[in-house]
C-alpha atoms as a PDB file:
ATOM      1  CA  MET A   1     109.467 104.499 107.689  1.00  0.00           C
ATOM      2  CA  ASN A   2     106.063 102.998 108.480  1.00  0.00           C
ATOM      3  CA  SER A   3     104.594 101.849 111.871  1.00  0.00           C
ATOM      4  CA  VAL A   4     103.783  98.191 112.354  1.00  0.00           C
ATOM      5  CA  ASN A   5     101.296  97.452 115.172  1.00  0.00           C
ATOM      6  CA  GLU A   6      99.780  93.917 115.250  1.00  0.00           C
ATOM      7  CA  VAL A   7      98.738  91.437 118.003  1.00  0.00           C
ATOM      8  CA  VAL A   8      97.962  87.858 117.505  1.00  0.00           C
ATOM      9  CA  ILE A   9      97.417  84.898 119.763  1.00  0.00           C
ATOM     10  CA  VAL A  10      99.547  81.763 119.166  1.00  0.00           C
ATOM     11  CA  PRO A  11      97.306  78.847 118.148  1.00  0.00           C
ATOM     12  CA  PRO A  12      97.779  75.652 120.219  1.00  0.00           C
ATOM     13  CA  GLN A  13      99.154  73.648 117.277  1.00  0.00           C
ATOM     14  CA  TYR A  14     102.291  75.646 117.402  1.00  0.00           C
ATOM     15  CA  ALA A  15     103.296  74.347 120.898  1.00  0.00           C
ATOM     16  CA  GLY A  16     106.945  73.379 120.885  1.00  0.00           C
ATOM     17  CA  GLU A  17     107.936  75.702 118.014  1.00  0.00           C
ATOM     18  CA  ARG A  18     110.467  78.523 118.148  1.00  0.00           C
ATOM     19  CA  LEU A  19     109.046  82.011 118.591  1.00  0.00           C
ATOM     20  CA  ASP A  20     110.898  83.364 115.405  1.00  0.00           C
ATOM     21  CA  LYS A  21     109.354  80.569 113.307  1.00  0.00           C
ATOM     22  CA  VAL A  22     105.767  80.913 114.724  1.00  0.00           C
ATOM     23  CA  ALA A  23     105.887  84.764 114.459  1.00  0.00           C
ATOM     24  CA  THR A  24     107.123  84.517 110.674  1.00  0.00           C
ATOM     25  CA  VAL A  25     103.910  82.448 109.927  1.00  0.00           C
ATOM     26  CA  LEU A  26     101.382  84.599 111.856  1.00  0.00           C
ATOM     27  CA  PHE A  27     102.931  87.745 110.760  1.00  0.00           C
ATOM     28  CA  GLY A  28     102.918  86.582 107.216  1.00  0.00           C
ATOM     29  CA  ASP A  29     104.027  89.675 105.497  1.00  0.00           C
ATOM     30  CA  PHE A  30     107.647  89.782 106.988  1.00  0.00           C
ATOM     31  CA  SER A  31     110.742  87.648 106.486  1.00  0.00           C
ATOM     32  CA  ARG A  32     112.118  85.405 109.232  1.00  0.00           C
ATOM     33  CA  ALA A  33     115.284  87.627 109.412  1.00  0.00           C
ATOM     34  CA  GLN A  34     113.109  90.788 109.837  1.00  0.00           C
ATOM     35  CA  VAL A  35     111.088  89.039 112.532  1.00  0.00           C
ATOM     36  CA  SER A  36     114.283  87.848 114.275  1.00  0.00           C
ATOM     37  CA  ASN A  37     115.699  91.364 114.290  1.00  0.00           C
ATOM     38  CA  TRP A  38     112.489  92.763 115.821  1.00  0.00           C
ATOM     39  CA  ILE A  39     112.588  90.031 118.686  1.00  0.00           C
ATOM     40  CA  THR A  40     116.198  90.995 119.351  1.00  0.00           C
ATOM     41  CA  GLN A  41     115.243  94.665 119.508  1.00  0.00           C
ATOM     42  CA  GLY A  42     112.376  94.123 121.918  1.00  0.00           C
ATOM     43  CA  GLU A  43     110.012  95.241 119.337  1.00  0.00           C
ATOM     44  CA  LEU A  44     108.213  91.935 119.074  1.00  0.00           C
ATOM     45  CA  THR A  45     107.152  90.703 122.689  1.00  0.00           C
ATOM     46  CA  VAL A  46     105.462  87.617 124.133  1.00  0.00           C
ATOM     47  CA  ASP A  47     102.907  88.446 126.832  1.00  0.00           C
ATOM     48  CA  ASP A  48     104.613  91.832 127.116  1.00  0.00           C
ATOM     49  CA  ARG A  49     108.064  90.392 127.778  1.00  0.00           C
ATOM     50  CA  THR A  50     111.153  90.512 125.819  1.00  0.00           C
ATOM     51  CA  VAL A  51     112.390  86.961 124.975  1.00  0.00           C
ATOM     52  CA  LYS A  52     114.793  85.145 122.744  1.00  0.00           C
ATOM     53  CA  ALA A  53     113.929  84.139 119.221  1.00  0.00           C
ATOM     54  CA  LYS A  54     114.613  80.523 120.157  1.00  0.00           C
ATOM     55  CA  THR A  55     111.919  80.529 122.995  1.00  0.00           C
ATOM     56  CA  LYS A  56     109.428  77.676 122.610  1.00  0.00           C
ATOM     57  CA  MET A  57     105.866  78.494 122.399  1.00  0.00           C
ATOM     58  CA  VAL A  58     103.179  76.601 124.323  1.00  0.00           C
ATOM     59  CA  GLY A  59     100.072  78.041 122.694  1.00  0.00           C
ATOM     60  CA  GLY A  60      97.882  80.891 123.950  1.00  0.00           C
ATOM     61  CA  GLU A  61     100.812  83.402 124.048  1.00  0.00           C
ATOM     62  CA  ARG A  62      99.987  87.008 123.067  1.00  0.00           C
ATOM     63  CA  LEU A  63     102.546  88.351 120.420  1.00  0.00           C
ATOM     64  CA  CYS A  64     102.809  92.077 120.193  1.00  0.00           C
ATOM     65  CA  LEU A  65     104.480  93.690 117.281  1.00  0.00           C
ATOM     66  CA  ASN A  66     105.310  97.307 117.644  1.00  0.00           C
ATOM     67  CA  ALA A  67     108.028  98.123 115.073  1.00  0.00           C
ATOM     68  CA  GLN A  68     109.010 100.472 112.256  1.00  0.00           C
ATOM     69  CA  ARG A  69     109.912  99.226 108.702  1.00  0.00           C
ATOM     70  CA  SER A  70     110.638 100.804 105.402  1.00  0.00           C
ATOM     71  CA  GLN A  71     107.515 101.200 103.303  1.00  0.00           C
ATOM     72  CA  ARG A  72     107.939 100.534  99.660  1.00  0.00           C
ATOM     73  CA  GLU A  73     104.570  99.205  98.957  1.00  0.00           C
ATOM     74  CA  ALA A  74     101.203 101.046  99.111  1.00  0.00           C
ATOM     75  CA  TRP A  75      99.801  98.958 102.052  1.00  0.00           C
ATOM     76  CA  GLN A  76      97.807 102.024 103.346  1.00  0.00           C
ATOM     77  CA  GLN A  77      96.787 103.512 100.069  1.00  0.00           C
ATOM     78  CA  PRO A  78      93.095 103.369  98.960  1.00  0.00           C
ATOM     79  CA  GLN A  79      92.490 102.876  95.331  1.00  0.00           C
ATOM     80  CA  ALA A  80      89.324 102.521  93.323  1.00  0.00           C
ATOM     81  CA  ILE A  81      89.250  98.816  92.376  1.00  0.00           C
ATOM     82  CA  ALA A  82      86.123  96.962  91.341  1.00  0.00           C
ATOM     83  CA  LEU A  83      85.245  94.263  93.978  1.00  0.00           C
ATOM     84  CA  ASP A  84      82.746  91.437  93.463  1.00  0.00           C
ATOM     85  CA  VAL A  85      81.197  91.563  96.962  1.00  0.00           C
ATOM     86  CA  LEU A  86      79.093  88.360  97.638  1.00  0.00           C
ATOM     87  CA  PHE A  87      78.369  89.264 101.259  1.00  0.00           C
ATOM     88  CA  GLU A  88      79.026  91.772 103.976  1.00  0.00           C
ATOM     89  CA  ASP A  89      78.206  92.926 107.447  1.00  0.00           C
ATOM     90  CA  GLU A  90      80.089  94.769 110.203  1.00  0.00           C
ATOM     91  CA  HIS A  91      82.337  91.779 110.744  1.00  0.00           C
ATOM     92  CA  ILE A  92      83.221  90.193 107.565  1.00  0.00           C
ATOM     93  CA  ILE A  93      83.322  90.800 103.719  1.00  0.00           C
ATOM     94  CA  VAL A  94      83.103  87.851 101.271  1.00  0.00           C
ATOM     95  CA  ILE A  95      84.311  88.582  97.854  1.00  0.00           C
ATOM     96  CA  ASP A  96      84.632  86.769  94.578  1.00  0.00           C
ATOM     97  CA  LYS A  97      88.316  87.576  93.388  1.00  0.00           C
ATOM     98  CA  ALA A  98      88.871  88.047  89.815  1.00  0.00           C
ATOM     99  CA  PRO A  99      91.705  86.294  88.026  1.00  0.00           C
ATOM    100  CA  GLY A 100      94.716  88.463  87.685  1.00  0.00           C
ATOM    101  CA  LEU A 101      94.245  90.418  90.932  1.00  0.00           C
ATOM    102  CA  VAL A 102      97.138  90.384  93.196  1.00  0.00           C
ATOM    103  CA  VAL A 103      95.978  90.052  96.893  1.00  0.00           C
ATOM    104  CA  HIS A 104      98.415  92.330  98.657  1.00  0.00           C
ATOM    105  CA  PRO A 105     101.219  94.828  97.735  1.00  0.00           C
ATOM    106  CA  GLY A 106     104.701  93.392  97.370  1.00  0.00           C
ATOM    107  CA  ALA A 107     107.716  93.181  95.179  1.00  0.00           C
ATOM    108  CA  GLY A 108     106.587  93.793  91.573  1.00  0.00           C
ATOM    109  CA  ASN A 109     103.040  94.798  92.539  1.00  0.00           C
ATOM    110  CA  PRO A 110     103.461  97.736  94.874  1.00  0.00           C
ATOM    111  CA  SER A 111      99.829  98.891  94.418  1.00  0.00           C
ATOM    112  CA  GLY A 112      96.758  98.094  92.444  1.00  0.00           C
ATOM    113  CA  THR A 113      96.004  95.053  94.724  1.00  0.00           C
ATOM    114  CA  LEU A 114      92.973  93.793  96.516  1.00  0.00           C
ATOM    115  CA  VAL A 115      94.170  95.291  99.728  1.00  0.00           C
ATOM    116  CA  ASN A 116      94.179  98.845  98.082  1.00  0.00           C
ATOM    117  CA  GLY A 117      90.743  98.178  96.705  1.00  0.00           C
ATOM    118  CA  LEU A 118      89.457  97.133 100.336  1.00  0.00           C
ATOM    119  CA  LEU A 119      90.887 100.243 101.905  1.00  0.00           C
ATOM    120  CA  ASN A 120      88.889 102.250  99.220  1.00  0.00           C
ATOM    121  CA  TYR A 121      85.855 100.187  99.874  1.00  0.00           C
ATOM    122  CA  ARG A 122      85.969 100.385 103.736  1.00  0.00           C
ATOM    123  CA  PRO A 123      88.538 102.871 104.891  1.00  0.00           C
ATOM    124  CA  GLU A 124      88.262 101.556 108.568  1.00  0.00           C
ATOM    125  CA  LEU A 125      90.078  98.489 107.373  1.00  0.00           C
ATOM    126  CA  THR A 126      93.440 100.393 107.891  1.00  0.00           C
ATOM    127  CA  ARG A 127      93.074  99.567 111.606  1.00  0.00           C
ATOM    128  CA  LEU A 128      93.283  95.791 110.895  1.00  0.00           C
ATOM    129  CA  PRO A 129      96.531  93.780 110.099  1.00  0.00           C
ATOM    130  CA  ARG A 130      96.828  93.364 106.265  1.00  0.00           C
ATOM    131  CA  ALA A 131      93.447  95.261 105.835  1.00  0.00           C
ATOM    132  CA  GLY A 132      91.575  92.239 107.241  1.00  0.00           C
ATOM    133  CA  VAL A 133      93.017  89.746 104.860  1.00  0.00           C
ATOM    134  CA  VAL A 134      93.311  86.471 106.649  1.00  0.00           C
ATOM    135  CA  HIS A 135      94.101  84.098 103.714  1.00  0.00           C
ATOM    136  CA  ARG A 136      95.169  84.478 100.201  1.00  0.00           C
ATOM    137  CA  LEU A 137      94.713  83.246  96.608  1.00  0.00           C
ATOM    138  CA  ASP A 138      97.318  83.260  93.978  1.00  0.00           C
ATOM    139  CA  LYS A 139      97.228  86.229  91.572  1.00  0.00           C
ATOM    140  CA  ASP A 140      95.845  84.037  88.721  1.00  0.00           C
ATOM    141  CA  THR A 141      93.436  82.037  90.843  1.00  0.00           C
ATOM    142  CA  SER A 142      90.017  83.324  90.980  1.00  0.00           C
ATOM    143  CA  GLY A 143      87.149  82.747  93.470  1.00  0.00           C
ATOM    144  CA  VAL A 144      85.747  83.179  96.957  1.00  0.00           C
ATOM    145  CA  MET A 145      87.649  84.949  99.846  1.00  0.00           C
ATOM    146  CA  VAL A 146      86.546  85.917 103.355  1.00  0.00           C
ATOM    147  CA  ILE A 147      87.953  89.265 104.677  1.00  0.00           C
ATOM    148  CA  ALA A 148      87.739  90.302 108.387  1.00  0.00           C
ATOM    149  CA  ALA A 149      86.049  93.725 108.924  1.00  0.00           C
ATOM    150  CA  SER A 150      86.370  94.064 112.691  1.00  0.00           C
ATOM    151  CA  GLU A 151      89.179  93.322 115.280  1.00  0.00           C
ATOM    152  CA  LYS A 152      87.181  90.596 116.926  1.00  0.00           C
ATOM    153  CA  ALA A 153      86.272  88.909 113.489  1.00  0.00           C
ATOM    154  CA  HIS A 154      89.998  89.058 112.639  1.00  0.00           C
ATOM    155  CA  GLN A 155      91.232  87.208 115.606  1.00  0.00           C
ATOM    156  CA  GLN A 156      88.516  84.580 115.304  1.00  0.00           C
ATOM    157  CA  LEU A 157      89.076  84.178 111.550  1.00  0.00           C
ATOM    158  CA  THR A 158      92.801  83.732 112.179  1.00  0.00           C
ATOM    159  CA  LEU A 159      92.132  81.076 114.712  1.00  0.00           C
ATOM    160  CA  MET A 160      89.643  79.241 112.541  1.00  0.00           C
ATOM    161  CA  ILE A 161      91.997  79.187 109.707  1.00  0.00           C
ATOM    162  CA  SER A 162      94.845  77.738 111.839  1.00  0.00           C
ATOM    163  CA  GLU A 163      92.428  75.165 113.155  1.00  0.00           C
ATOM    164  CA  ARG A 164      91.247  74.289 109.650  1.00  0.00           C
ATOM    165  CA  ALA A 165      87.640  75.289 110.586  1.00  0.00           C
ATOM    166  CA  ILE A 166      87.005  76.981 107.192  1.00  0.00           C
ATOM    167  CA  GLN A 167      86.237  74.690 104.419  1.00  0.00           C
ATOM    168  CA  ARG A 168      87.540  75.712 100.914  1.00  0.00           C
ATOM    169  CA  ARG A 169      86.595  73.870  97.843  1.00  0.00           C
ATOM    170  CA  TYR A 170      88.155  74.290  94.519  1.00  0.00           C
ATOM    171  CA  VAL A 171      87.547  73.197  90.870  1.00  0.00           C
ATOM    172  CA  CYS A 172      90.301  72.814  88.372  1.00  0.00           C
ATOM    173  CA  VAL A 173      91.242  71.361  84.971  1.00  0.00           C
ATOM    174  CA  CYS A 174      94.415  69.257  84.747  1.00  0.00           C
ATOM    175  CA  GLU A 175      96.298  67.760  81.906  1.00  0.00           C
ATOM    176  CA  GLY A 176      95.862  63.944  81.467  1.00  0.00           C
ATOM    177  CA  ARG A 177      92.827  61.749  81.872  1.00  0.00           C
ATOM    178  CA  MET A 178      92.598  60.557  85.544  1.00  0.00           C
ATOM    179  CA  VAL A 179      91.111  57.287  86.061  1.00  0.00           C
ATOM    180  CA  ALA A 180      89.790  58.053  89.714  1.00  0.00           C
ATOM    181  CA  GLY A 181      90.185  60.737  92.446  1.00  0.00           C
ATOM    182  CA  LYS A 182      93.129  60.820  94.657  1.00  0.00           C
ATOM    183  CA  ASP A 183      94.120  62.136  98.167  1.00  0.00           C
ATOM    184  CA  VAL A 184      97.641  63.626  98.062  1.00  0.00           C
ATOM    185  CA  ASP A 185      99.400  63.689 101.534  1.00  0.00           C
ATOM    186  CA  GLN A 186     102.771  65.214 100.692  1.00  0.00           C
ATOM    187  CA  PRO A 187     104.799  67.910 102.495  1.00  0.00           C
ATOM    188  CA  ILE A 188     105.518  71.069 100.632  1.00  0.00           C
ATOM    189  CA  GLY A 189     108.361  73.483 100.985  1.00  0.00           C
ATOM    190  CA  ARG A 190     110.278  76.017  98.859  1.00  0.00           C
ATOM    191  CA  ASP A 191     111.874  74.603  95.755  1.00  0.00           C
ATOM    192  CA  ALA A 192     115.463  74.153  96.378  1.00  0.00           C
ATOM    193  CA  HIS A 193     116.583  75.433  92.819  1.00  0.00           C
ATOM    194  CA  VAL A 194     113.729  78.073  92.068  1.00  0.00           C
ATOM    195  CA  ARG A 195     112.709  80.254  94.903  1.00  0.00           C
ATOM    196  CA  THR A 196     109.609  81.475  93.389  1.00  0.00           C
ATOM    197  CA  ARG A 197     108.261  77.840  93.204  1.00  0.00           C
ATOM    198  CA  GLN A 198     107.072  75.343  95.852  1.00  0.00           C
ATOM    199  CA  ALA A 199     107.830  71.550  95.666  1.00  0.00           C
ATOM    200  CA  VAL A 200     106.943  68.235  97.408  1.00  0.00           C
ATOM    201  CA  ARG A 201     109.877  67.719  99.736  1.00  0.00           C
ATOM    202  CA  GLN A 202     110.024  65.529 102.938  1.00  0.00           C
ATOM    203  CA  ASP A 203     111.398  68.422 105.031  1.00  0.00           C
ATOM    204  CA  GLY A 204     108.523  70.514 104.013  1.00  0.00           C
ATOM    205  CA  LYS A 205     105.242  71.432 106.022  1.00  0.00           C
ATOM    206  CA  PRO A 206     102.561  68.867 106.114  1.00  0.00           C
ATOM    207  CA  ALA A 207     100.072  69.247 103.209  1.00  0.00           C
ATOM    208  CA  PHE A 208      96.874  67.384 102.255  1.00  0.00           C
ATOM    209  CA  THR A 209      94.707  67.722  99.299  1.00  0.00           C
ATOM    210  CA  SER A 210      91.807  65.674  98.186  1.00  0.00           C
ATOM    211  CA  PHE A 211      91.117  65.422  94.415  1.00  0.00           C
ATOM    212  CA  ARG A 212      87.736  64.164  92.996  1.00  0.00           C
ATOM    213  CA  VAL A 213      86.885  63.486  89.298  1.00  0.00           C
ATOM    214  CA  ARG A 214      83.992  65.658  88.099  1.00  0.00           C
ATOM    215  CA  GLN A 215      84.411  64.886  84.531  1.00  0.00           C
ATOM    216  CA  ARG A 216      86.904  63.111  82.288  1.00  0.00           C
ATOM    217  CA  TYR A 217      87.808  64.343  78.808  1.00  0.00           C
ATOM    218  CA  ARG A 218      89.935  62.917  76.104  1.00  0.00           C
ATOM    219  CA  VAL A 219      93.152  64.063  77.556  1.00  0.00           C
ATOM    220  CA  HIS A 220      92.173  66.381  80.356  1.00  0.00           C
ATOM    221  CA  THR A 221      90.114  65.947  83.650  1.00  0.00           C
ATOM    222  CA  LEU A 222      87.884  68.399  85.498  1.00  0.00           C
ATOM    223  CA  LEU A 223      88.336  68.089  89.274  1.00  0.00           C
ATOM    224  CA  ASP A 224      86.953  69.226  92.527  1.00  0.00           C
ATOM    225  CA  ALA A 225      89.849  69.846  95.100  1.00  0.00           C
ATOM    226  CA  GLN A 226      89.551  70.348  98.826  1.00  0.00           C
ATOM    227  CA  LEU A 227      92.265  71.580 101.050  1.00  0.00           C
ATOM    228  CA  GLY A 228      93.173  69.936 104.326  1.00  0.00           C
ATOM    229  CA  SER A 229      95.882  72.552 104.825  1.00  0.00           C
ATOM    230  CA  GLY A 230      96.731  75.880 103.231  1.00  0.00           C
ATOM    231  CA  ARG A 231     100.332  75.784 101.771  1.00  0.00           C
ATOM    232  CA  THR A 232     101.526  78.264  99.087  1.00  0.00           C
ATOM    233  CA  HIS A 233     100.418  76.787  95.615  1.00  0.00           C
ATOM    234  CA  GLN A 234      99.294  73.689  97.334  1.00  0.00           C
ATOM    235  CA  ILE A 235      96.795  72.476  94.632  1.00  0.00           C
ATOM    236  CA  ARG A 236      99.240  73.277  91.924  1.00  0.00           C
ATOM    237  CA  VAL A 237     102.091  71.376  93.436  1.00  0.00           C
ATOM    238  CA  HIS A 238     100.076  68.363  94.404  1.00  0.00           C
ATOM    239  CA  ALA A 239      98.460  68.272  90.978  1.00  0.00           C
ATOM    240  CA  GLN A 240     102.050  68.335  89.455  1.00  0.00           C
ATOM    241  CA  SER A 241     103.163  65.524  91.911  1.00  0.00           C
ATOM    242  CA  MET A 242     100.385  63.391  90.458  1.00  0.00           C
ATOM    243  CA  GLY A 243     101.686  63.820  86.973  1.00  0.00           C
ATOM    244  CA  HIS A 244      98.629  66.048  86.090  1.00  0.00           C
ATOM    245  CA  PRO A 245      99.620  69.689  86.068  1.00  0.00           C
ATOM    246  CA  LEU A 246      96.772  72.152  85.791  1.00  0.00           C
ATOM    247  CA  VAL A 247      96.035  73.516  82.347  1.00  0.00           C
ATOM    248  CA  GLY A 248      97.895  76.895  81.759  1.00  0.00           C
ATOM    249  CA  ASP A 249     100.221  76.385  84.818  1.00  0.00           C
ATOM    250  CA  ARG A 250     103.555  76.406  83.106  1.00  0.00           C
ATOM    251  CA  ARG A 251     105.313  77.117  86.401  1.00  0.00           C
ATOM    252  CA  TYR A 252     104.275  73.628  87.494  1.00  0.00           C
ATOM    253  CA  GLY A 253     104.854  71.613  84.381  1.00  0.00           C
ATOM    254  CA  ALA A 254     101.855  72.294  81.975  1.00  0.00           C
ATOM    255  CA  ARG A 255     102.767  71.230  78.463  1.00  0.00           C
ATOM    256  CA  GLY A 256      99.700  72.473  76.492  1.00  0.00           C
ATOM    257  CA  LYS A 257      98.629  68.837  75.921  1.00  0.00           C
ATOM    258  CA  LEU A 258      96.003  68.396  73.153  1.00  0.00           C
ATOM    259  CA  PRO A 259      94.022  65.386  71.946  1.00  0.00           C
ATOM    260  CA  GLN A 260      94.356  64.003  68.445  1.00  0.00           C
ATOM    261  CA  GLY A 261      92.006  65.746  65.871  1.00  0.00           C
ATOM    262  CA  SER A 262      91.492  68.858  67.910  1.00  0.00           C
ATOM    263  CA  THR A 263      89.619  71.641  66.057  1.00  0.00           C
ATOM    264  CA  PRO A 264      91.400  75.030  65.416  1.00  0.00           C
ATOM    265  CA  GLN A 265      89.006  76.599  68.013  1.00  0.00           C
ATOM    266  CA  PHE A 266      89.963  73.836  70.576  1.00  0.00           C
ATOM    267  CA  ILE A 267      93.581  74.410  70.069  1.00  0.00           C
ATOM    268  CA  GLN A 268      93.399  78.183  70.195  1.00  0.00           C
ATOM    269  CA  THR A 269      91.421  78.089  73.638  1.00  0.00           C
ATOM    270  CA  LEU A 270      93.782  75.545  75.231  1.00  0.00           C
ATOM    271  CA  GLN A 271      96.972  77.274  74.080  1.00  0.00           C
ATOM    272  CA  ALA A 272      95.754  80.865  74.821  1.00  0.00           C
ATOM    273  CA  PHE A 273      94.433  80.082  78.383  1.00  0.00           C
ATOM    274  CA  PRO A 274      96.125  82.728  80.306  1.00  0.00           C
ATOM    275  CA  ARG A 275      96.531  81.298  83.684  1.00  0.00           C
ATOM    276  CA  GLN A 276      96.185  78.246  85.918  1.00  0.00           C
ATOM    277  CA  ALA A 277      92.826  76.661  85.507  1.00  0.00           C
ATOM    278  CA  LEU A 278      92.040  76.931  89.196  1.00  0.00           C
ATOM    279  CA  HIS A 279      88.977  78.519  90.767  1.00  0.00           C
ATOM    280  CA  ALA A 280      88.003  78.831  94.576  1.00  0.00           C
ATOM    281  CA  HIS A 281      84.387  77.718  94.089  1.00  0.00           C
ATOM    282  CA  SER A 282      83.093  77.564  97.554  1.00  0.00           C
ATOM    283  CA  LEU A 283      83.815  78.607 101.266  1.00  0.00           C
ATOM    284  CA  ALA A 284      81.964  77.386 104.298  1.00  0.00           C
ATOM    285  CA  LEU A 285      82.407  78.478 107.955  1.00  0.00           C
ATOM    286  CA  GLN A 286      80.693  79.442 110.970  1.00  0.00           C
ATOM    287  CA  HIS A 287      80.199  83.238 111.271  1.00  0.00           C
ATOM    288  CA  PRO A 288      83.032  84.412 113.478  1.00  0.00           C
ATOM    289  CA  ILE A 289      80.921  86.410 115.733  1.00  0.00           C
ATOM    290  CA  GLU A 290      77.243  85.190 115.385  1.00  0.00           C
ATOM    291  CA  ASP A 291      78.378  81.373 114.941  1.00  0.00           C
ATOM    292  CA  THR A 292      75.828  80.759 112.403  1.00  0.00           C
ATOM    293  CA  PRO A 293      76.699  78.461 109.478  1.00  0.00           C
ATOM    294  CA  LEU A 294      77.525  80.281 106.269  1.00  0.00           C
ATOM    295  CA  GLU A 295      78.352  79.073 102.765  1.00  0.00           C
ATOM    296  CA  PHE A 296      79.249  81.103  99.731  1.00  0.00           C
ATOM    297  CA  ILE A 297      79.810  80.076  96.116  1.00  0.00           C
ATOM    298  CA  ALA A 298      81.586  81.994  93.456  1.00  0.00           C
ATOM    299  CA  PRO A 299      80.358  81.361  89.885  1.00  0.00           C
ATOM    300  CA  TRP A 300      83.001  80.124  87.348  1.00  0.00           C
ATOM    301  CA  PRO A 301      84.693  83.137  85.606  1.00  0.00           C
ATOM    302  CA  ALA A 302      84.227  83.394  81.892  1.00  0.00           C
ATOM    303  CA  ASP A 303      87.512  81.995  80.892  1.00  0.00           C
ATOM    304  CA  PHE A 304      87.075  78.907  82.936  1.00  0.00           C
ATOM    305  CA  GLU A 305      83.595  78.601  81.691  1.00  0.00           C
ATOM    306  CA  THR A 306      84.800  78.724  78.191  1.00  0.00           C
ATOM    307  CA  LEU A 307      87.570  76.292  78.875  1.00  0.00           C
ATOM    308  CA  VAL A 308      85.087  73.622  80.263  1.00  0.00           C
ATOM    309  CA  SER A 309      82.568  74.201  77.434  1.00  0.00           C
ATOM    310  CA  ILE A 310      85.141  73.598  74.791  1.00  0.00           C
ATOM    311  CA  LEU A 311      86.183  70.376  76.550  1.00  0.00           C
ATOM    312  CA  ASP A 312      82.581  69.243  76.671  1.00  0.00           C
ATOM    313  CA  ALA A 313      82.064  69.960  73.080  1.00  0.00           C
ATOM    314  CA  ASP A 314      85.276  68.015  72.120  1.00  0.00           C
ATOM    315  CA  LEU A 315      84.178  65.110  74.140  1.00  0.00           C
ATOM    316  CA  LYS A 316      80.819  65.160  72.666  1.00  0.00           C
ATOM    317  CA  SER A 317      82.334  65.112  69.129  1.00  0.00           C
ATOM    318  CA  HIS A 318      84.729  62.165  69.877  1.00  0.00           C
ATOM    319  CA  PRO A 319      82.575  59.714  71.924  1.00  0.00           C
ATOM    320  CA  SER A 320      84.647  56.657  73.203  1.00  0.00           C
END
């Protein structure tokens, strides 16, 4: 058994929502069933009071989780994992996450994650929920992330993310030649048929993504994408909904599209691209303690750089 001791403040936008629903979002590593059980047992309290799972929140409540759970994953195990640190001080750590690195332990990835590497890099992060991780990137998405390194920063960053006060910009390559950029305002929820996927569905959570064309190729497009919300697989789902799945993203409809007359090198690069072509390029925020403006940029990783280079070369060799 492993002790779980976390405290969060309910952001104002959750006013009117049930406690069990809100707690499942704020304590993001536990299922709604597990959260509901803790509420019933009095291990998850609201302002130090035991209440029912259906209790409606008004915002500003203090949720205190003091419980026990079976620990199958190495959430407290430090491991020597290479981290590309862009910035750090006593309150935050900003990293450039490599593609293929899982953010936190879970089913299928019990160890060897970013959390394990952070615990090795700064052992004092064991005192913070999820070792200071306040937002996530998919395993195969690369790029910039901010990590809380103090309790005060953790509380403030969590609030800033819920209030969308942190700007996250991405760059991606999609299949198909987009004529113009597009804003996608479509709710996202779990796919009704495949539980490991997300989908656009009208009963899902609100989600907004702004796509802007950076470069058009013969049958691909290099895009800038900015999030107006932070749903699971959001950019990937919204790209698919436009009919332009990301290169390499077979989970969300990528077909390995190729232009006519492609060179063998071009074909090999496109077909062998090992992941969704998505990179978290920049992150801008006010420092959670000092309130100074910060912006961090993560350079394109080698595989993404190679992909764009070969698309550039193909376009030059086939001018329209």
